[in-house]
Every structure is written in C-alpha cells, then in structure tokens.
Amino acid sequence: MLQLVNFSNSRYDMKMLHNDTGKLQTFLAKHQLDGVELMMCEPWTLENKGLKAFAKGVHLKFWPFWLDFWREDQQALLRQFGSETQIVSYYEAENRWQWLELYKENVRMAVELGVEYLVFHVSNTRKEEVFTWDFHAQDAEVVEAAIEVLNELTPLIPEHTAILFENLWWPGLTLLNAELVEKLLSKVNHKNTGIMLDTGHLMHTNPFLRSQEEGVQYILDTLAQLGEHQQRIKG
C-alpha cells in the first residue's frame, strides 16, 4: 500500500517549496511517505518538473457544480452566476466541449507523468444546495452524466493507469446505492477502474453521527451493503 500526501503545482504550494523539490523529499522521508497525489491546478512548467519523481497519482480537476453546464442549461447557469461573463470565468470555457478539453489536457499531463492512477469526483451540487440540501438532481442523473464525461476521456488513458471514482456526500457517487456503484464501474469504457474511498465524505452522508465509534460502524455497515464491489476499493 502506498502512503501518500496531497500536493499541487499551484503557485501557493510551489512557493512553499521555493521551487526546491528537495524540501518535499525531506518532508516525505521524515513522515515515511511514498510520494504525493498531485493536483495540477496550473499549466505544467519547468519549475514543476521536479514533482514528477514523487507523483504516484493525480487528482483530476473538479468543479463542484458542473451538471448544468454539461447539459447546456443556460437559464439555470444564469440564475446561479448572473451573467455569461461569470459563467465563462468559472468554467474557463464558453461551452461544454471547450470545458472537456480542459479535462483532456489534465489527463494528458497526468499520463505524461506516468502515474499509477487518476481520481475523478463523481458529484454535483448547486451553490445554494450546499446549505438547503434540496437537490435539483438525483444521484443517478449525476452518475450518468459523469459516465458521459469519463467516456470522452478514457481514449487518452492507458490501460495500466487506473481510474478511481471518489465518493462525496452530494448527489452522485455517495456509496449508498450499490446499483449506481455497479453502473459506474461497468459503464465507463476502461478496464482498470475502482473506488477511491473518502471516509470523511462518507460520514458526511449521515448528519446524525455523534461519535468516532458511530462513524466507524457507519462506514463498515455502508461498505458491507456494497457486497462484492467492496473489492473495487483501491485507495
């Protein structure tokens, strides 16, 4: 098992290293870590090249609310953002195909690094729904749209590179529905897929937990309901 820490090539994180990846190597050795799960927030530059030696996985880009943009629901987008300028600013794209190119470039950079796995968040929630929990989309809708997006990316991903789907507590992959887990694992056109289990995210699906013991038991009970799909948890 690899023991990793998250890191990014954002200007903030790189500034902490003063562009000296030797400091990262010292940190990893001190804490007996095998490397980093990297998130590429900025274009890949010469200053980033030292990170390649430590990158074991890549966490792909993530927009918390993307379903309306993918569906090209302009009215819903304008209600949330107020103007087309703000929409383009947030998604860094004028339409869903330009947005998809951002994901593809993210994948290409990850493949060039030779990492063992990619992580993809299967989740969506509009801004106000974070507070109301009155969701406009059901889990199945988000999973189906995520499959569409992922199947645009899979031709770029080598078979030996795993795609791991991370659970969240918003609509999408919550791990509370074994049928949706099965659908995601079977419908994405890539043989090497699995689950990246986030235990904190899973506990967020139950706001009534009151202790660490209750949290641990809830995780175990929820995973037990997945049956054989538990074996697809890779991280």
Protein backbone atom coordinates (compact mmCIF):
# COMPACT_ATOMS: atom_id res chain seq x y z
CA MET A 1 0.00 0.00 0.00
CA LEU A 2 1.20 3.48 -0.87
CA GLN A 3 1.08 6.13 1.85
CA LEU A 4 0.74 9.49 0.09
CA VAL A 5 0.10 13.14 0.84
CA ASN A 6 -1.81 15.52 -1.42
CA PHE A 7 0.10 18.30 -3.17
CA SER A 8 -0.48 20.61 -6.12
CA ASN A 9 1.50 22.67 -8.58
CA SER A 10 -0.43 25.79 -7.61
CA ARG A 11 1.64 28.90 -7.12
CA TYR A 12 0.87 28.76 -3.39
CA ASP A 13 2.17 25.21 -2.92
CA MET A 14 5.20 25.75 -5.15
CA LYS A 15 6.01 28.93 -3.22
CA MET A 16 6.18 26.86 -0.02
CA LEU A 17 8.92 24.79 -1.63
CA HIS A 18 10.68 27.84 -3.06
CA ASN A 19 10.83 25.70 -6.23
CA ASP A 20 13.15 23.30 -4.38
CA THR A 21 11.65 19.80 -4.54
CA GLY A 22 14.40 18.62 -2.22
CA LYS A 23 12.28 20.08 0.58
CA LEU A 24 9.39 17.86 -0.48
CA GLN A 25 11.70 14.85 -0.50
CA THR A 26 12.80 15.69 3.05
CA PHE A 27 9.17 16.01 4.20
CA LEU A 28 8.21 12.68 2.67
CA ALA A 29 11.19 10.91 4.24
CA LYS A 30 10.51 12.45 7.66
CA HIS A 31 6.91 11.18 7.66
CA GLN A 32 7.71 7.86 5.96
CA LEU A 33 5.53 8.65 2.95
CA ASP A 34 5.87 7.09 -0.50
CA GLY A 35 5.04 10.16 -2.56
CA VAL A 36 2.23 12.55 -3.46
CA GLU A 37 -1.19 12.51 -5.04
CA LEU A 38 -0.84 15.53 -7.27
CA MET A 39 -3.46 18.01 -8.37
CA MET A 40 -2.42 20.09 -11.36
CA CYS A 41 -4.04 23.48 -10.87
CA GLU A 42 -1.68 25.42 -13.12
CA PRO A 43 -0.08 24.75 -16.52
CA TRP A 44 2.87 22.36 -16.29
CA THR A 45 6.13 24.32 -16.35
CA LEU A 46 9.84 23.73 -15.95
CA GLU A 47 9.51 24.75 -12.30
CA ASN A 48 7.13 21.81 -11.79
CA LYS A 49 9.29 19.13 -13.39
CA GLY A 50 10.85 18.07 -10.08
CA LEU A 51 7.43 16.90 -8.86
CA LYS A 52 7.39 14.06 -11.40
CA ALA A 53 9.67 11.92 -9.25
CA PHE A 54 7.18 11.98 -6.37
CA ALA A 55 3.82 11.77 -8.18
CA LYS A 56 2.10 8.39 -7.75
CA GLY A 57 -1.41 9.55 -8.65
CA VAL A 58 -3.24 12.60 -9.99
CA HIS A 59 -6.47 14.05 -8.67
CA LEU A 60 -8.19 15.43 -11.75
CA LYS A 61 -9.74 18.90 -11.81
CA PHE A 62 -13.11 19.26 -10.13
CA TRP A 63 -15.94 21.76 -10.44
CA PRO A 64 -18.47 21.26 -7.59
CA PHE A 65 -21.37 22.28 -9.85
CA TRP A 66 -20.94 21.29 -13.48
CA LEU A 67 -24.09 19.39 -14.46
CA ASP A 68 -26.00 22.45 -15.70
CA PHE A 69 -23.01 23.45 -17.84
CA TRP A 70 -22.70 19.93 -19.28
CA ARG A 71 -26.44 19.92 -20.05
CA GLU A 72 -26.13 23.40 -21.58
CA ASP A 73 -28.91 24.69 -19.33
CA GLN A 74 -28.24 28.39 -19.82
CA GLN A 75 -31.20 29.56 -17.74
CA ALA A 76 -30.04 27.59 -14.70
CA LEU A 77 -26.49 28.87 -15.15
CA LEU A 78 -27.61 32.50 -15.38
CA ARG A 79 -29.65 32.13 -12.19
CA GLN A 80 -26.52 30.97 -10.38
CA PHE A 81 -23.88 33.22 -11.93
CA GLY A 82 -25.79 36.32 -13.03
CA SER A 83 -24.02 36.80 -16.36
CA GLU A 84 -22.42 34.91 -19.21
CA THR A 85 -19.09 36.51 -18.34
CA GLN A 86 -19.16 34.94 -14.88
CA ILE A 87 -20.12 31.56 -16.35
CA VAL A 88 -17.15 31.58 -18.72
CA SER A 89 -14.85 32.77 -15.94
CA TYR A 90 -15.85 29.89 -13.65
CA TYR A 91 -15.68 27.07 -16.20
CA GLU A 92 -12.75 28.56 -18.14
CA ALA A 93 -14.75 27.72 -21.26
CA GLU A 94 -17.58 29.01 -23.41
CA ASN A 95 -19.20 25.62 -23.97
CA ARG A 96 -19.01 22.06 -22.73
CA TRP A 97 -16.62 20.94 -25.47
CA GLN A 98 -14.08 23.61 -24.57
CA TRP A 99 -14.54 22.58 -20.92
CA LEU A 100 -13.94 18.97 -21.86
CA GLU A 101 -10.64 20.00 -23.47
CA LEU A 102 -9.50 21.26 -20.05
CA TYR A 103 -10.14 17.79 -18.64
CA LYS A 104 -8.37 16.17 -21.58
CA GLU A 105 -5.31 18.35 -21.09
CA ASN A 106 -5.36 17.46 -17.39
CA VAL A 107 -5.39 13.77 -18.33
CA ARG A 108 -2.61 14.19 -20.91
CA MET A 109 -0.34 15.82 -18.33
CA ALA A 110 -1.09 13.04 -15.83
CA VAL A 111 -0.30 10.35 -18.40
CA GLU A 112 2.98 12.06 -19.24
CA LEU A 113 3.90 11.86 -15.55
CA GLY A 114 3.43 8.10 -15.66
CA VAL A 115 1.25 7.98 -12.53
CA GLU A 116 -0.46 4.79 -11.39
CA TYR A 117 -3.96 6.22 -11.05
CA LEU A 118 -6.30 9.15 -11.68
CA VAL A 119 -9.04 10.29 -9.28
CA PHE A 120 -12.36 11.64 -10.54
CA HIS A 121 -15.00 13.21 -8.27
CA VAL A 122 -18.48 11.91 -9.14
CA SER A 123 -20.60 14.64 -7.56
CA ASN A 124 -22.60 17.77 -8.26
CA THR A 125 -24.43 20.39 -6.21
CA ARG A 126 -25.54 23.93 -6.95
CA LYS A 127 -24.25 26.63 -4.60
CA GLU A 128 -27.47 27.16 -2.66
CA GLU A 129 -27.97 23.41 -2.27
CA VAL A 130 -24.87 23.24 -0.11
CA PHE A 131 -27.00 24.94 2.55
CA THR A 132 -30.51 23.69 1.77
CA TRP A 133 -29.81 20.06 0.81
CA ASP A 134 -32.77 20.48 -1.54
CA PHE A 135 -31.07 19.00 -4.59
CA HIS A 136 -32.28 19.52 -8.15
CA ALA A 137 -30.54 16.39 -9.48
CA GLN A 138 -30.72 12.80 -8.30
CA ASP A 139 -27.70 10.54 -7.78
CA ALA A 140 -28.47 8.60 -10.94
CA GLU A 141 -28.51 11.74 -13.11
CA VAL A 142 -25.08 12.79 -11.88
CA VAL A 143 -23.62 9.31 -12.29
CA GLU A 144 -24.99 9.04 -15.85
CA ALA A 145 -23.57 12.45 -16.82
CA ALA A 146 -20.22 11.57 -15.20
CA ILE A 147 -20.09 8.41 -17.32
CA GLU A 148 -20.60 10.57 -20.43
CA VAL A 149 -17.72 12.84 -19.42
CA LEU A 150 -15.43 9.97 -18.46
CA ASN A 151 -16.03 8.12 -21.71
CA GLU A 152 -14.77 11.20 -23.56
CA LEU A 153 -11.55 10.92 -21.54
CA THR A 154 -10.88 7.18 -21.49
CA PRO A 155 -9.34 7.00 -25.01
CA LEU A 156 -6.47 9.10 -23.60
CA ILE A 157 -5.82 6.85 -20.60
CA PRO A 158 -3.52 3.81 -20.87
CA GLU A 159 -4.98 0.52 -19.67
CA HIS A 160 -2.38 0.20 -16.91
CA THR A 161 -3.47 3.55 -15.42
CA ALA A 162 -6.41 3.14 -13.04
CA ILE A 163 -9.38 5.50 -12.90
CA LEU A 164 -10.63 5.72 -9.30
CA PHE A 165 -14.03 7.26 -8.55
CA GLU A 166 -14.19 9.27 -5.34
CA ASN A 167 -17.37 9.42 -3.26
CA LEU A 168 -18.86 12.63 -1.89
CA TRP A 169 -21.99 13.43 0.10
CA TRP A 170 -23.65 15.46 -2.65
CA PRO A 171 -25.71 13.85 -5.46
CA GLY A 172 -23.62 11.37 -7.40
CA LEU A 173 -21.44 8.60 -6.03
CA THR A 174 -22.32 8.54 -2.32
CA LEU A 175 -21.75 4.74 -1.99
CA LEU A 176 -25.25 4.43 -0.52
CA ASN A 177 -26.61 2.74 -3.65
CA ALA A 178 -24.89 -0.45 -4.80
CA GLU A 179 -26.69 -0.38 -8.18
CA LEU A 180 -25.21 3.01 -9.03
CA VAL A 181 -21.76 1.81 -7.98
CA GLU A 182 -22.20 -1.15 -10.34
CA LYS A 183 -23.37 1.16 -13.15
CA LEU A 184 -20.39 3.47 -12.80
CA LEU A 185 -17.87 0.62 -12.67
CA SER A 186 -19.39 -1.20 -15.63
CA LYS A 187 -20.35 1.64 -17.99
CA VAL A 188 -17.08 3.58 -18.03
CA ASN A 189 -15.10 2.34 -21.03
CA HIS A 190 -11.92 1.46 -19.18
CA LYS A 191 -10.96 -1.94 -17.83
CA ASN A 192 -8.92 -0.62 -14.93
CA THR A 193 -11.40 1.17 -12.65
CA GLY A 194 -12.08 1.26 -8.92
CA ILE A 195 -13.18 3.35 -5.96
CA MET A 196 -11.20 5.93 -4.02
CA LEU A 197 -12.93 5.74 -0.65
CA ASP A 198 -13.11 9.01 1.27
CA THR A 199 -14.22 8.05 4.78
CA GLY A 200 -14.86 11.65 5.79
CA HIS A 201 -17.07 12.23 2.77
CA LEU A 202 -18.94 9.00 3.53
CA MET A 203 -19.64 10.04 7.13
CA HIS A 204 -21.00 13.35 5.80
CA THR A 205 -23.90 11.39 4.29
CA ASN A 206 -25.15 10.78 7.85
CA PRO A 207 -25.54 14.04 9.84
CA PHE A 208 -26.72 12.11 12.90
CA LEU A 209 -23.37 10.54 13.79
CA ARG A 210 -22.25 11.62 17.26
CA SER A 211 -19.01 9.79 17.98
CA GLN A 212 -15.97 8.24 16.37
CA GLU A 213 -17.32 4.79 17.19
CA GLU A 214 -20.62 5.53 15.42
CA GLY A 215 -18.70 6.86 12.44
CA VAL A 216 -16.54 3.76 12.12
CA GLN A 217 -19.55 1.46 12.39
CA TYR A 218 -21.46 3.50 9.81
CA ILE A 219 -18.57 3.19 7.34
CA LEU A 220 -18.35 -0.58 7.85
CA ASP A 221 -22.12 -1.07 7.55
CA THR A 222 -22.33 1.07 4.40
CA LEU A 223 -19.48 -0.76 2.69
CA ALA A 224 -20.97 -4.13 3.63
CA GLN A 225 -24.06 -3.22 1.61
CA LEU A 226 -21.88 -2.89 -1.49
CA GLY A 227 -21.25 -6.63 -1.49
CA GLU A 228 -18.59 -7.71 -3.98
CA HIS A 229 -17.99 -4.09 -5.03
CA GLN A 230 -16.05 -3.58 -1.80
CA GLN A 231 -13.22 -5.36 -3.56
CA ARG A 232 -13.03 -2.47 -6.03
CA ILE A 233 -11.89 -0.04 -3.31
CA LYS A 234 -8.29 0.71 -4.30
CA GLY A 235 -7.45 3.64 -2.06
